[in-house]
């Protein structure tokens, strides 16, 4: 029998190679491609948070686009009205989004399965309309949204603005991945998996299911809020129609295609969501979404456990 040592060595080598490639990438591609990969890292952060809730905790959410919007508007308001630098808005985005997710999770934690999915879906539908409300329009910009001034890198940054936003997003993703790894490998991760796999058995072990769900909802929303803040800093615009239900669905599609309960799967899912629709549009503008749907069906048929699951299956065969 072969030992698991080669496989254990392969993981850090692959992780190091992927990190090196990510660090070198902006020097090898155009500014537009740098922007696209910046969006990949931003989506990956939001998908990591959703994966904590859905992949590890087993709670399906169709409303994480709402928490993405909360973070984006928090960042935009701080930058637009108070002149706060983009990177300094991220802690505020994290705190506000965590509070929003935790408050939503308190009543939603008593729901399960499709009922929770529908409750979160209602949140994703309602928030864009709320942002357009005349009472909030002086603050949120109403249907026009908020246009932000061009990004300004910190003093002493020697490279371009695009490289700054890329580095900020990649650095935030690495921090999110590290936090996620520590969570899922420790006691919180064991509690989440117990709740996901057998809620009744988890309760007999002393796990407060409602409290755990609310905390994980808050943490998951925090990731989405940071991603939203980074999106506002990168795109330099926020508007209600940018955070429609399709964003929430895309985040869920990403973690399913990339791999549930997988940190690399969230990044792979973000690559899929960012580039497959773009590729489909390049093939045919008239049938772009039909081609995207075909890609999605093929991916689900060929890799029912996600892209990361395919890699794990091959590793086991060896």
C-alpha atoms as a PDB file:
ATOM      1  CA  UNK A   1       0.000   0.000   0.000  1.00  0.00           C
ATOM      2  CA  UNK A   2       1.099   3.500  -0.754  1.00  0.00           C
ATOM      3  CA  UNK A   3       1.363   5.945   2.095  1.00  0.00           C
ATOM      4  CA  UNK A   4      -0.380   9.308   2.183  1.00  0.00           C
ATOM      5  CA  UNK A   5       2.909  11.232   2.460  1.00  0.00           C
ATOM      6  CA  UNK A   6       3.200  12.106  -1.254  1.00  0.00           C
ATOM      7  CA  UNK A   7      -0.355  13.432  -1.218  1.00  0.00           C
ATOM      8  CA  UNK A   8       0.293  15.425   1.963  1.00  0.00           C
ATOM      9  CA  UNK A   9       3.351  16.971   0.339  1.00  0.00           C
ATOM     10  CA  UNK A  10       1.459  17.684  -2.857  1.00  0.00           C
ATOM     11  CA  UNK A  11      -1.088  19.974  -1.180  1.00  0.00           C
ATOM     12  CA  UNK A  12       1.351  22.643   0.110  1.00  0.00           C
ATOM     13  CA  UNK A  13       3.311  22.463  -3.143  1.00  0.00           C
ATOM     14  CA  UNK A  14       0.140  23.033  -5.174  1.00  0.00           C
ATOM     15  CA  UNK A  15      -0.935  25.847  -2.832  1.00  0.00           C
ATOM     16  CA  UNK A  16       2.476  27.511  -3.135  1.00  0.00           C
ATOM     17  CA  UNK A  17       2.440  27.214  -6.914  1.00  0.00           C
ATOM     18  CA  UNK A  18      -1.071  28.707  -7.087  1.00  0.00           C
ATOM     19  CA  UNK A  19      -0.047  31.621  -4.840  1.00  0.00           C
ATOM     20  CA  UNK A  20       3.074  32.284  -6.922  1.00  0.00           C
ATOM     21  CA  UNK A  21       0.989  32.254 -10.108  1.00  0.00           C
ATOM     22  CA  UNK A  22      -1.501  34.695  -8.558  1.00  0.00           C
ATOM     23  CA  UNK A  23       1.315  37.057  -7.522  1.00  0.00           C
ATOM     24  CA  UNK A  24       2.940  37.001 -10.970  1.00  0.00           C
ATOM     25  CA  UNK A  25      -0.288  37.154 -12.958  1.00  0.00           C
ATOM     26  CA  UNK A  26      -0.862  40.953 -13.038  1.00  0.00           C
ATOM     27  CA  UNK A  27       2.562  41.445 -14.623  1.00  0.00           C
ATOM     28  CA  UNK A  28       1.776  39.051 -17.463  1.00  0.00           C
ATOM     29  CA  UNK A  29      -1.686  40.182 -18.578  1.00  0.00           C
ATOM     30  CA  UNK A  30      -3.481  43.341 -19.690  1.00  0.00           C
ATOM     31  CA  UNK A  31      -5.130  45.809 -17.309  1.00  0.00           C
ATOM     32  CA  UNK A  32      -8.571  44.529 -18.325  1.00  0.00           C
ATOM     33  CA  UNK A  33      -7.587  40.970 -17.429  1.00  0.00           C
ATOM     34  CA  UNK A  34      -6.206  42.258 -14.134  1.00  0.00           C
ATOM     35  CA  UNK A  35      -9.646  43.755 -13.467  1.00  0.00           C
ATOM     36  CA  UNK A  36     -11.308  40.428 -14.317  1.00  0.00           C
ATOM     37  CA  UNK A  37      -9.091  38.474 -11.935  1.00  0.00           C
ATOM     38  CA  UNK A  38      -9.653  41.098  -9.250  1.00  0.00           C
ATOM     39  CA  UNK A  39     -13.352  40.312  -9.619  1.00  0.00           C
ATOM     40  CA  UNK A  40     -12.540  36.602  -9.285  1.00  0.00           C
ATOM     41  CA  UNK A  41     -10.844  37.146  -5.907  1.00  0.00           C
ATOM     42  CA  UNK A  42     -13.771  39.305  -4.755  1.00  0.00           C
ATOM     43  CA  UNK A  43     -16.336  36.672  -5.745  1.00  0.00           C
ATOM     44  CA  UNK A  44     -14.217  33.983  -4.102  1.00  0.00           C
ATOM     45  CA  UNK A  45     -14.409  35.812  -0.755  1.00  0.00           C
ATOM     46  CA  UNK A  46     -18.209  35.952  -0.957  1.00  0.00           C
ATOM     47  CA  UNK A  47     -18.335  32.285  -1.978  1.00  0.00           C
ATOM     48  CA  UNK A  48     -16.116  31.301   0.929  1.00  0.00           C
ATOM     49  CA  UNK A  49     -18.663  32.852   3.270  1.00  0.00           C
ATOM     50  CA  UNK A  50     -21.574  31.139   1.542  1.00  0.00           C
ATOM     51  CA  UNK A  51     -19.650  27.863   1.614  1.00  0.00           C
ATOM     52  CA  UNK A  52     -19.305  28.174   5.388  1.00  0.00           C
ATOM     53  CA  UNK A  53     -23.071  28.459   5.661  1.00  0.00           C
ATOM     54  CA  UNK A  54     -24.116  25.976   2.970  1.00  0.00           C
ATOM     55  CA  UNK A  55     -21.172  23.638   2.502  1.00  0.00           C
ATOM     56  CA  UNK A  56     -20.069  23.193   6.100  1.00  0.00           C
ATOM     57  CA  UNK A  57     -23.232  24.095   8.011  1.00  0.00           C
ATOM     58  CA  UNK A  58     -25.813  22.760   5.553  1.00  0.00           C
ATOM     59  CA  UNK A  59     -28.000  25.907   5.460  1.00  0.00           C
ATOM     60  CA  UNK A  60     -29.005  26.958   1.931  1.00  0.00           C
ATOM     61  CA  UNK A  61     -29.121  30.708   1.291  1.00  0.00           C
ATOM     62  CA  UNK A  62     -30.403  32.451  -1.833  1.00  0.00           C
ATOM     63  CA  UNK A  63     -29.938  35.909  -0.368  1.00  0.00           C
ATOM     64  CA  UNK A  64     -26.225  36.532  -0.011  1.00  0.00           C
ATOM     65  CA  UNK A  65     -26.343  39.148  -2.739  1.00  0.00           C
ATOM     66  CA  UNK A  66     -28.136  41.315  -0.159  1.00  0.00           C
ATOM     67  CA  UNK A  67     -25.191  41.143   2.258  1.00  0.00           C
ATOM     68  CA  UNK A  68     -22.856  41.815  -0.675  1.00  0.00           C
ATOM     69  CA  UNK A  69     -24.913  44.976  -1.284  1.00  0.00           C
ATOM     70  CA  UNK A  70     -24.745  45.975   2.395  1.00  0.00           C
ATOM     71  CA  UNK A  71     -20.949  45.877   2.285  1.00  0.00           C
ATOM     72  CA  UNK A  72     -20.800  47.690  -1.052  1.00  0.00           C
ATOM     73  CA  UNK A  73     -23.033  50.538   0.123  1.00  0.00           C
ATOM     74  CA  UNK A  74     -21.206  50.771   3.447  1.00  0.00           C
ATOM     75  CA  UNK A  75     -17.899  51.179   1.624  1.00  0.00           C
ATOM     76  CA  UNK A  76     -19.351  53.586  -0.949  1.00  0.00           C
ATOM     77  CA  UNK A  77     -20.954  55.824   1.678  1.00  0.00           C
ATOM     78  CA  UNK A  78     -17.733  56.032   3.690  1.00  0.00           C
ATOM     79  CA  UNK A  79     -15.679  56.823   0.591  1.00  0.00           C
ATOM     80  CA  UNK A  80     -18.198  59.229  -0.961  1.00  0.00           C
ATOM     81  CA  UNK A  81     -19.359  61.204   2.071  1.00  0.00           C
ATOM     82  CA  UNK A  82     -16.389  60.958   4.452  1.00  0.00           C
ATOM     83  CA  UNK A  83     -13.466  60.464   2.081  1.00  0.00           C
ATOM     84  CA  UNK A  84     -12.294  57.277   3.833  1.00  0.00           C
ATOM     85  CA  UNK A  85      -9.677  55.348   1.785  1.00  0.00           C
ATOM     86  CA  UNK A  86     -11.007  52.182   0.163  1.00  0.00           C
ATOM     87  CA  UNK A  87      -8.951  49.747   2.242  1.00  0.00           C
ATOM     88  CA  UNK A  88      -9.957  51.422   5.518  1.00  0.00           C
ATOM     89  CA  UNK A  89     -13.653  50.861   4.768  1.00  0.00           C
ATOM     90  CA  UNK A  90     -13.282  47.066   4.877  1.00  0.00           C
ATOM     91  CA  UNK A  91     -13.398  46.670   8.697  1.00  0.00           C
ATOM     92  CA  UNK A  92     -16.608  48.714   8.776  1.00  0.00           C
ATOM     93  CA  UNK A  93     -18.050  46.583   5.960  1.00  0.00           C
ATOM     94  CA  UNK A  94     -17.211  43.454   7.945  1.00  0.00           C
ATOM     95  CA  UNK A  95     -18.838  44.711  11.162  1.00  0.00           C
ATOM     96  CA  UNK A  96     -21.999  46.080   9.553  1.00  0.00           C
ATOM     97  CA  UNK A  97     -22.489  42.978   7.406  1.00  0.00           C
ATOM     98  CA  UNK A  98     -21.885  40.639  10.346  1.00  0.00           C
ATOM     99  CA  UNK A  99     -24.527  42.507  12.351  1.00  0.00           C
ATOM    100  CA  UNK A 100     -26.983  42.353   9.427  1.00  0.00           C
ATOM    101  CA  UNK A 101     -26.380  38.636   8.913  1.00  0.00           C
ATOM    102  CA  UNK A 102     -26.640  37.827  12.609  1.00  0.00           C
ATOM    103  CA  UNK A 103     -29.882  39.793  12.978  1.00  0.00           C
ATOM    104  CA  UNK A 104     -31.346  38.030   9.952  1.00  0.00           C
ATOM    105  CA  UNK A 105     -30.065  34.704  11.239  1.00  0.00           C
ATOM    106  CA  UNK A 106     -31.793  34.993  14.612  1.00  0.00           C
ATOM    107  CA  UNK A 107     -35.324  34.380  13.260  1.00  0.00           C
ATOM    108  CA  UNK A 108     -34.154  32.528  10.140  1.00  0.00           C
ATOM    109  CA  UNK A 109     -32.229  30.021  12.264  1.00  0.00           C
ATOM    110  CA  UNK A 110     -35.533  28.385  13.186  1.00  0.00           C
ATOM    111  CA  UNK A 111     -36.164  27.636   9.517  1.00  0.00           C
ATOM    112  CA  UNK A 112     -34.645  24.768   7.572  1.00  0.00           C
ATOM    113  CA  UNK A 113     -34.250  23.588   4.001  1.00  0.00           C
ATOM    114  CA  UNK A 114     -36.498  25.226   1.430  1.00  0.00           C
ATOM    115  CA  UNK A 115     -38.087  27.516   4.022  1.00  0.00           C
ATOM    116  CA  UNK A 116     -34.724  29.075   4.848  1.00  0.00           C
ATOM    117  CA  UNK A 117     -33.880  29.333   1.155  1.00  0.00           C
ATOM    118  CA  UNK A 118     -37.163  31.156   0.491  1.00  0.00           C
ATOM    119  CA  UNK A 119     -36.669  33.517   3.444  1.00  0.00           C
ATOM    120  CA  UNK A 120     -33.199  34.468   2.228  1.00  0.00           C
ATOM    121  CA  UNK A 121     -34.535  34.761  -1.334  1.00  0.00           C
ATOM    122  CA  UNK A 122     -37.116  37.264  -0.072  1.00  0.00           C
ATOM    123  CA  UNK A 123     -34.271  39.308   1.429  1.00  0.00           C
ATOM    124  CA  UNK A 124     -32.437  39.369  -1.897  1.00  0.00           C
ATOM    125  CA  UNK A 125     -35.599  40.503  -3.687  1.00  0.00           C
ATOM    126  CA  UNK A 126     -36.538  43.173  -1.144  1.00  0.00           C
ATOM    127  CA  UNK A 127     -33.223  44.924  -0.510  1.00  0.00           C
ATOM    128  CA  UNK A 128     -32.685  46.436  -4.000  1.00  0.00           C
ATOM    129  CA  UNK A 129     -36.208  47.867  -3.869  1.00  0.00           C
ATOM    130  CA  UNK A 130     -35.553  49.248  -0.393  1.00  0.00           C
ATOM    131  CA  UNK A 131     -32.391  50.968  -1.624  1.00  0.00           C
ATOM    132  CA  UNK A 132     -34.487  52.760  -4.262  1.00  0.00           C
ATOM    133  CA  UNK A 133     -37.034  54.049  -1.743  1.00  0.00           C
ATOM    134  CA  UNK A 134     -37.439  57.872  -1.794  1.00  0.00           C
ATOM    135  CA  UNK A 135     -36.755  58.099   1.948  1.00  0.00           C
ATOM    136  CA  UNK A 136     -33.321  56.523   1.487  1.00  0.00           C
ATOM    137  CA  UNK A 137     -32.552  58.090  -1.893  1.00  0.00           C
ATOM    138  CA  UNK A 138     -30.627  61.093  -0.443  1.00  0.00           C
ATOM    139  CA  UNK A 139     -28.263  58.609   1.187  1.00  0.00           C
ATOM    140  CA  UNK A 140     -28.158  55.741  -1.325  1.00  0.00           C
ATOM    141  CA  UNK A 141     -28.611  57.723  -4.533  1.00  0.00           C
ATOM    142  CA  UNK A 142     -31.888  55.966  -5.291  1.00  0.00           C
ATOM    143  CA  UNK A 143     -32.119  54.333  -8.705  1.00  0.00           C
ATOM    144  CA  UNK A 144     -29.059  56.310  -9.874  1.00  0.00           C
ATOM    145  CA  UNK A 145     -26.789  54.799  -7.251  1.00  0.00           C
ATOM    146  CA  UNK A 146     -23.509  56.355  -6.159  1.00  0.00           C
ATOM    147  CA  UNK A 147     -20.634  57.069  -8.542  1.00  0.00           C
ATOM    148  CA  UNK A 148     -17.257  57.194  -6.813  1.00  0.00           C
ATOM    149  CA  UNK A 149     -14.105  59.082  -7.692  1.00  0.00           C
ATOM    150  CA  UNK A 150     -11.193  57.196  -9.168  1.00  0.00           C
ATOM    151  CA  UNK A 151      -9.332  54.961  -6.729  1.00  0.00           C
ATOM    152  CA  UNK A 152      -6.167  56.350  -5.150  1.00  0.00           C
ATOM    153  CA  UNK A 153      -3.503  53.910  -3.944  1.00  0.00           C
ATOM    154  CA  UNK A 154      -1.843  54.589  -0.577  1.00  0.00           C
ATOM    155  CA  UNK A 155       1.118  56.937  -0.516  1.00  0.00           C
ATOM    156  CA  UNK A 156       4.253  55.101  -1.503  1.00  0.00           C
ATOM    157  CA  UNK A 157       2.525  52.459  -3.617  1.00  0.00           C
ATOM    158  CA  UNK A 158       4.897  52.108  -6.585  1.00  0.00           C
ATOM    159  CA  UNK A 159       2.580  50.439  -9.097  1.00  0.00           C
ATOM    160  CA  UNK A 160      -0.660  51.231 -10.925  1.00  0.00           C
ATOM    161  CA  UNK A 161      -4.155  51.619  -9.466  1.00  0.00           C
ATOM    162  CA  UNK A 162      -5.206  48.339 -11.088  1.00  0.00           C
ATOM    163  CA  UNK A 163      -2.339  46.534  -9.390  1.00  0.00           C
ATOM    164  CA  UNK A 164      -3.300  48.090  -6.035  1.00  0.00           C
ATOM    165  CA  UNK A 165      -6.894  46.885  -6.265  1.00  0.00           C
ATOM    166  CA  UNK A 166      -5.702  43.455  -7.385  1.00  0.00           C
ATOM    167  CA  UNK A 167      -3.300  43.233  -4.442  1.00  0.00           C
ATOM    168  CA  UNK A 168      -5.956  44.451  -1.982  1.00  0.00           C
ATOM    169  CA  UNK A 169      -8.468  41.859  -3.209  1.00  0.00           C
ATOM    170  CA  UNK A 170      -5.960  39.012  -3.315  1.00  0.00           C
ATOM    171  CA  UNK A 171      -4.660  39.871   0.150  1.00  0.00           C
ATOM    172  CA  UNK A 172      -8.198  39.973   1.533  1.00  0.00           C
ATOM    173  CA  UNK A 173      -8.903  36.584  -0.053  1.00  0.00           C
ATOM    174  CA  UNK A 174      -5.799  35.050   1.516  1.00  0.00           C
ATOM    175  CA  UNK A 175      -6.830  36.339   4.944  1.00  0.00           C
ATOM    176  CA  UNK A 176     -10.360  34.962   4.417  1.00  0.00           C
ATOM    177  CA  UNK A 177      -8.953  31.577   3.371  1.00  0.00           C
ATOM    178  CA  UNK A 178      -6.723  31.430   6.442  1.00  0.00           C
ATOM    179  CA  UNK A 179      -9.605  32.307   8.783  1.00  0.00           C
ATOM    180  CA  UNK A 180     -11.829  29.739   7.084  1.00  0.00           C
ATOM    181  CA  UNK A 181      -9.180  27.041   7.379  1.00  0.00           C
ATOM    182  CA  UNK A 182      -8.759  27.692  11.095  1.00  0.00           C
ATOM    183  CA  UNK A 183     -12.526  27.663  11.630  1.00  0.00           C
ATOM    184  CA  UNK A 184     -13.334  24.458   9.778  1.00  0.00           C
ATOM    185  CA  UNK A 185     -10.402  22.535  11.232  1.00  0.00           C
ATOM    186  CA  UNK A 186     -11.277  23.504  14.802  1.00  0.00           C
ATOM    187  CA  UNK A 187     -14.195  23.036  17.156  1.00  0.00           C
ATOM    188  CA  UNK A 188     -16.528  25.439  15.248  1.00  0.00           C
ATOM    189  CA  UNK A 189     -16.037  23.385  12.098  1.00  0.00           C
ATOM    190  CA  UNK A 190     -16.852  20.153  13.890  1.00  0.00           C
ATOM    191  CA  UNK A 191     -20.014  21.711  15.303  1.00  0.00           C
ATOM    192  CA  UNK A 192     -21.076  22.948  11.867  1.00  0.00           C
ATOM    193  CA  UNK A 193     -20.520  19.557  10.254  1.00  0.00           C
ATOM    194  CA  UNK A 194     -22.441  17.850  13.054  1.00  0.00           C
ATOM    195  CA  UNK A 195     -25.368  20.217  12.508  1.00  0.00           C
ATOM    196  CA  UNK A 196     -25.209  19.651   8.757  1.00  0.00           C
ATOM    197  CA  UNK A 197     -25.006  15.858   8.907  1.00  0.00           C
ATOM    198  CA  UNK A 198     -27.428  15.157  11.758  1.00  0.00           C
ATOM    199  CA  UNK A 199     -29.165  18.011  13.550  1.00  0.00           C
ATOM    200  CA  UNK A 200     -30.799  15.778  16.174  1.00  0.00           C
ATOM    201  CA  UNK A 201     -27.509  14.116  17.098  1.00  0.00           C
ATOM    202  CA  UNK A 202     -25.840  17.543  17.251  1.00  0.00           C
ATOM    203  CA  UNK A 203     -28.439  18.776  19.737  1.00  0.00           C
ATOM    204  CA  UNK A 204     -27.848  15.736  21.958  1.00  0.00           C
ATOM    205  CA  UNK A 205     -24.161  16.701  22.048  1.00  0.00           C
ATOM    206  CA  UNK A 206     -25.090  20.082  23.506  1.00  0.00           C
ATOM    207  CA  UNK A 207     -24.873  22.148  20.325  1.00  0.00           C
ATOM    208  CA  UNK A 208     -27.337  25.059  20.333  1.00  0.00           C
ATOM    209  CA  UNK A 209     -28.484  24.812  16.714  1.00  0.00           C
ATOM    210  CA  UNK A 210     -30.296  28.171  16.576  1.00  0.00           C
ATOM    211  CA  UNK A 211     -27.378  30.103  18.097  1.00  0.00           C
ATOM    212  CA  UNK A 212     -24.839  28.352  15.867  1.00  0.00           C
ATOM    213  CA  UNK A 213     -26.870  29.059  12.732  1.00  0.00           C
ATOM    214  CA  UNK A 214     -27.190  32.732  13.661  1.00  0.00           C
ATOM    215  CA  UNK A 215     -23.436  33.059  14.265  1.00  0.00           C
ATOM    216  CA  UNK A 216     -22.561  31.295  11.024  1.00  0.00           C
ATOM    217  CA  UNK A 217     -25.076  33.458   9.168  1.00  0.00           C
ATOM    218  CA  UNK A 218     -23.358  36.521  10.592  1.00  0.00           C
ATOM    219  CA  UNK A 219     -19.903  35.236   9.694  1.00  0.00           C
ATOM    220  CA  UNK A 220     -21.021  34.261   6.216  1.00  0.00           C
ATOM    221  CA  UNK A 221     -22.581  37.688   5.703  1.00  0.00           C
ATOM    222  CA  UNK A 222     -19.348  39.300   6.913  1.00  0.00           C
ATOM    223  CA  UNK A 223     -17.409  37.630   4.091  1.00  0.00           C
ATOM    224  CA  UNK A 224     -20.028  38.778   1.572  1.00  0.00           C
ATOM    225  CA  UNK A 225     -19.896  42.315   2.979  1.00  0.00           C
ATOM    226  CA  UNK A 226     -16.115  42.527   2.655  1.00  0.00           C
ATOM    227  CA  UNK A 227     -16.455  41.276  -0.922  1.00  0.00           C
ATOM    228  CA  UNK A 228     -19.075  43.967  -1.550  1.00  0.00           C
ATOM    229  CA  UNK A 229     -16.778  46.636  -0.136  1.00  0.00           C
ATOM    230  CA  UNK A 230     -13.979  45.486  -2.420  1.00  0.00           C
ATOM    231  CA  UNK A 231     -16.379  45.481  -5.376  1.00  0.00           C
ATOM    232  CA  UNK A 232     -17.353  49.095  -4.683  1.00  0.00           C
ATOM    233  CA  UNK A 233     -13.689  50.064  -4.449  1.00  0.00           C
ATOM    234  CA  UNK A 234     -12.904  48.293  -7.721  1.00  0.00           C
ATOM    235  CA  UNK A 235     -15.908  49.199  -9.889  1.00  0.00           C
ATOM    236  CA  UNK A 236     -16.241  52.705  -8.357  1.00  0.00           C
ATOM    237  CA  UNK A 237     -20.015  52.547  -8.555  1.00  0.00           C
ATOM    238  CA  UNK A 238     -22.871  51.045  -6.537  1.00  0.00           C
ATOM    239  CA  UNK A 239     -26.508  50.870  -7.604  1.00  0.00           C
ATOM    240  CA  UNK A 240     -29.527  48.788  -6.569  1.00  0.00           C
ATOM    241  CA  UNK A 241     -29.715  46.946  -9.878  1.00  0.00           C
ATOM    242  CA  UNK A 242     -26.132  45.718  -9.451  1.00  0.00           C
ATOM    243  CA  UNK A 243     -27.241  43.492  -6.571  1.00  0.00           C
ATOM    244  CA  UNK A 244     -30.249  41.690  -7.953  1.00  0.00           C
ATOM    245  CA  UNK A 245     -31.304  38.103  -7.298  1.00  0.00           C
ATOM    246  CA  UNK A 246     -29.005  36.872 -10.059  1.00  0.00           C
ATOM    247  CA  UNK A 247     -25.972  37.774  -7.946  1.00  0.00           C
ATOM    248  CA  UNK A 248     -27.215  35.558  -5.095  1.00  0.00           C
ATOM    249  CA  UNK A 249     -27.900  32.706  -7.518  1.00  0.00           C
ATOM    250  CA  UNK A 250     -24.458  33.109  -9.089  1.00  0.00           C
ATOM    251  CA  UNK A 251     -22.788  32.793  -5.687  1.00  0.00           C
ATOM    252  CA  UNK A 252     -24.695  29.570  -5.021  1.00  0.00           C
ATOM    253  CA  UNK A 253     -23.864  28.255  -8.499  1.00  0.00           C
ATOM    254  CA  UNK A 254     -20.192  29.008  -7.851  1.00  0.00           C
ATOM    255  CA  UNK A 255     -19.900  26.966  -4.667  1.00  0.00           C
ATOM    256  CA  UNK A 256     -21.806  24.031  -6.171  1.00  0.00           C
ATOM    257  CA  UNK A 257     -19.651  23.977  -9.312  1.00  0.00           C
ATOM    258  CA  UNK A 258     -16.420  24.653  -7.426  1.00  0.00           C
ATOM    259  CA  UNK A 259     -17.130  22.222  -4.612  1.00  0.00           C
ATOM    260  CA  UNK A 260     -19.148  22.381  -1.406  1.00  0.00           C
ATOM    261  CA  UNK A 261     -17.213  22.467   1.870  1.00  0.00           C
ATOM    262  CA  UNK A 262     -13.992  23.228  -0.004  1.00  0.00           C
ATOM    263  CA  UNK A 263     -11.774  26.288   0.291  1.00  0.00           C
ATOM    264  CA  UNK A 264     -10.143  25.823  -3.146  1.00  0.00           C
ATOM    265  CA  UNK A 265     -13.609  25.038  -4.507  1.00  0.00           C
ATOM    266  CA  UNK A 266     -14.753  28.577  -3.717  1.00  0.00           C
ATOM    267  CA  UNK A 267     -11.925  30.005  -5.826  1.00  0.00           C
ATOM    268  CA  UNK A 268     -12.593  27.554  -8.655  1.00  0.00           C
ATOM    269  CA  UNK A 269     -16.284  28.428  -8.533  1.00  0.00           C
ATOM    270  CA  UNK A 270     -15.435  32.130  -8.762  1.00  0.00           C
ATOM    271  CA  UNK A 271     -13.344  31.454 -11.862  1.00  0.00           C
ATOM    272  CA  UNK A 272     -16.306  29.618 -13.397  1.00  0.00           C
ATOM    273  CA  UNK A 273     -18.818  32.375 -12.611  1.00  0.00           C
ATOM    274  CA  UNK A 274     -16.491  35.114 -13.853  1.00  0.00           C
ATOM    275  CA  UNK A 275     -15.208  33.596 -17.078  1.00  0.00           C
ATOM    276  CA  UNK A 276     -17.790  31.106 -18.380  1.00  0.00           C
ATOM    277  CA  UNK A 277     -20.520  33.743 -19.027  1.00  0.00           C
ATOM    278  CA  UNK A 278     -17.857  35.953 -20.627  1.00  0.00           C
ATOM    279  CA  UNK A 279     -16.720  33.086 -22.848  1.00  0.00           C
ATOM    280  CA  UNK A 280     -20.321  32.236 -23.752  1.00  0.00           C
ATOM    281  CA  UNK A 281     -20.897  35.828 -24.829  1.00  0.00           C
ATOM    282  CA  UNK A 282     -17.788  35.735 -26.989  1.00  0.00           C
ATOM    283  CA  UNK A 283     -19.108  32.611 -28.717  1.00  0.00           C
ATOM    284  CA  UNK A 284     -22.570  34.061 -29.415  1.00  0.00           C
ATOM    285  CA  UNK A 285     -24.161  37.228 -28.081  1.00  0.00           C
ATOM    286  CA  UNK A 286     -27.619  36.049 -29.108  1.00  0.00           C
ATOM    287  CA  UNK A 287     -27.391  32.697 -27.330  1.00  0.00           C
ATOM    288  CA  UNK A 288     -24.959  33.571 -24.534  1.00  0.00           C
ATOM    289  CA  UNK A 289     -27.173  32.382 -21.693  1.00  0.00           C
ATOM    290  CA  UNK A 290     -28.118  29.213 -23.536  1.00  0.00           C
ATOM    291  CA  UNK A 291     -24.426  28.403 -23.917  1.00  0.00           C
ATOM    292  CA  UNK A 292     -23.829  29.247 -20.245  1.00  0.00           C
ATOM    293  CA  UNK A 293     -26.661  26.913 -19.251  1.00  0.00           C
ATOM    294  CA  UNK A 294     -25.131  24.168 -21.393  1.00  0.00           C
ATOM    295  CA  UNK A 295     -21.750  24.665 -19.701  1.00  0.00           C
ATOM    296  CA  UNK A 296     -23.501  24.485 -16.340  1.00  0.00           C
ATOM    297  CA  UNK A 297     -25.321  21.257 -17.179  1.00  0.00           C
ATOM    298  CA  UNK A 298     -22.148  19.629 -18.489  1.00  0.00           C
ATOM    299  CA  UNK A 299     -20.238  20.654 -15.354  1.00  0.00           C
ATOM    300  CA  UNK A 300     -22.947  19.259 -13.066  1.00  0.00           C
ATOM    301  CA  UNK A 301     -23.113  16.004 -15.024  1.00  0.00           C
ATOM    302  CA  UNK A 302     -19.356  15.496 -15.287  1.00  0.00           C
ATOM    303  CA  UNK A 303     -18.473  16.705 -11.782  1.00  0.00           C
ATOM    304  CA  UNK A 304     -21.401  16.142  -9.396  1.00  0.00           C
ATOM    305  CA  UNK A 305     -19.079  16.804  -6.456  1.00  0.00           C
ATOM    306  CA  UNK A 306     -17.731  20.012  -7.987  1.00  0.00           C
ATOM    307  CA  UNK A 307     -14.319  20.681  -9.491  1.00  0.00           C
ATOM    308  CA  UNK A 308     -12.596  20.304  -6.123  1.00  0.00           C
ATOM    309  CA  UNK A 309     -14.501  17.063  -5.532  1.00  0.00           C
ATOM    310  CA  UNK A 310     -13.151  15.704  -8.818  1.00  0.00           C
ATOM    311  CA  UNK A 311      -9.627  16.411  -7.638  1.00  0.00           C
ATOM    312  CA  UNK A 312     -10.251  14.694  -4.308  1.00  0.00           C
ATOM    313  CA  UNK A 313     -11.706  11.656  -6.053  1.00  0.00           C
ATOM    314  CA  UNK A 314      -8.632  11.228  -8.254  1.00  0.00           C
ATOM    315  CA  UNK A 315      -6.352  11.613  -5.243  1.00  0.00           C
ATOM    316  CA  UNK A 316      -8.198   8.804  -3.453  1.00  0.00           C
ATOM    317  CA  UNK A 317      -7.879   6.531  -6.489  1.00  0.00           C
ATOM    318  CA  UNK A 318      -4.123   6.934  -6.373  1.00  0.00           C
END
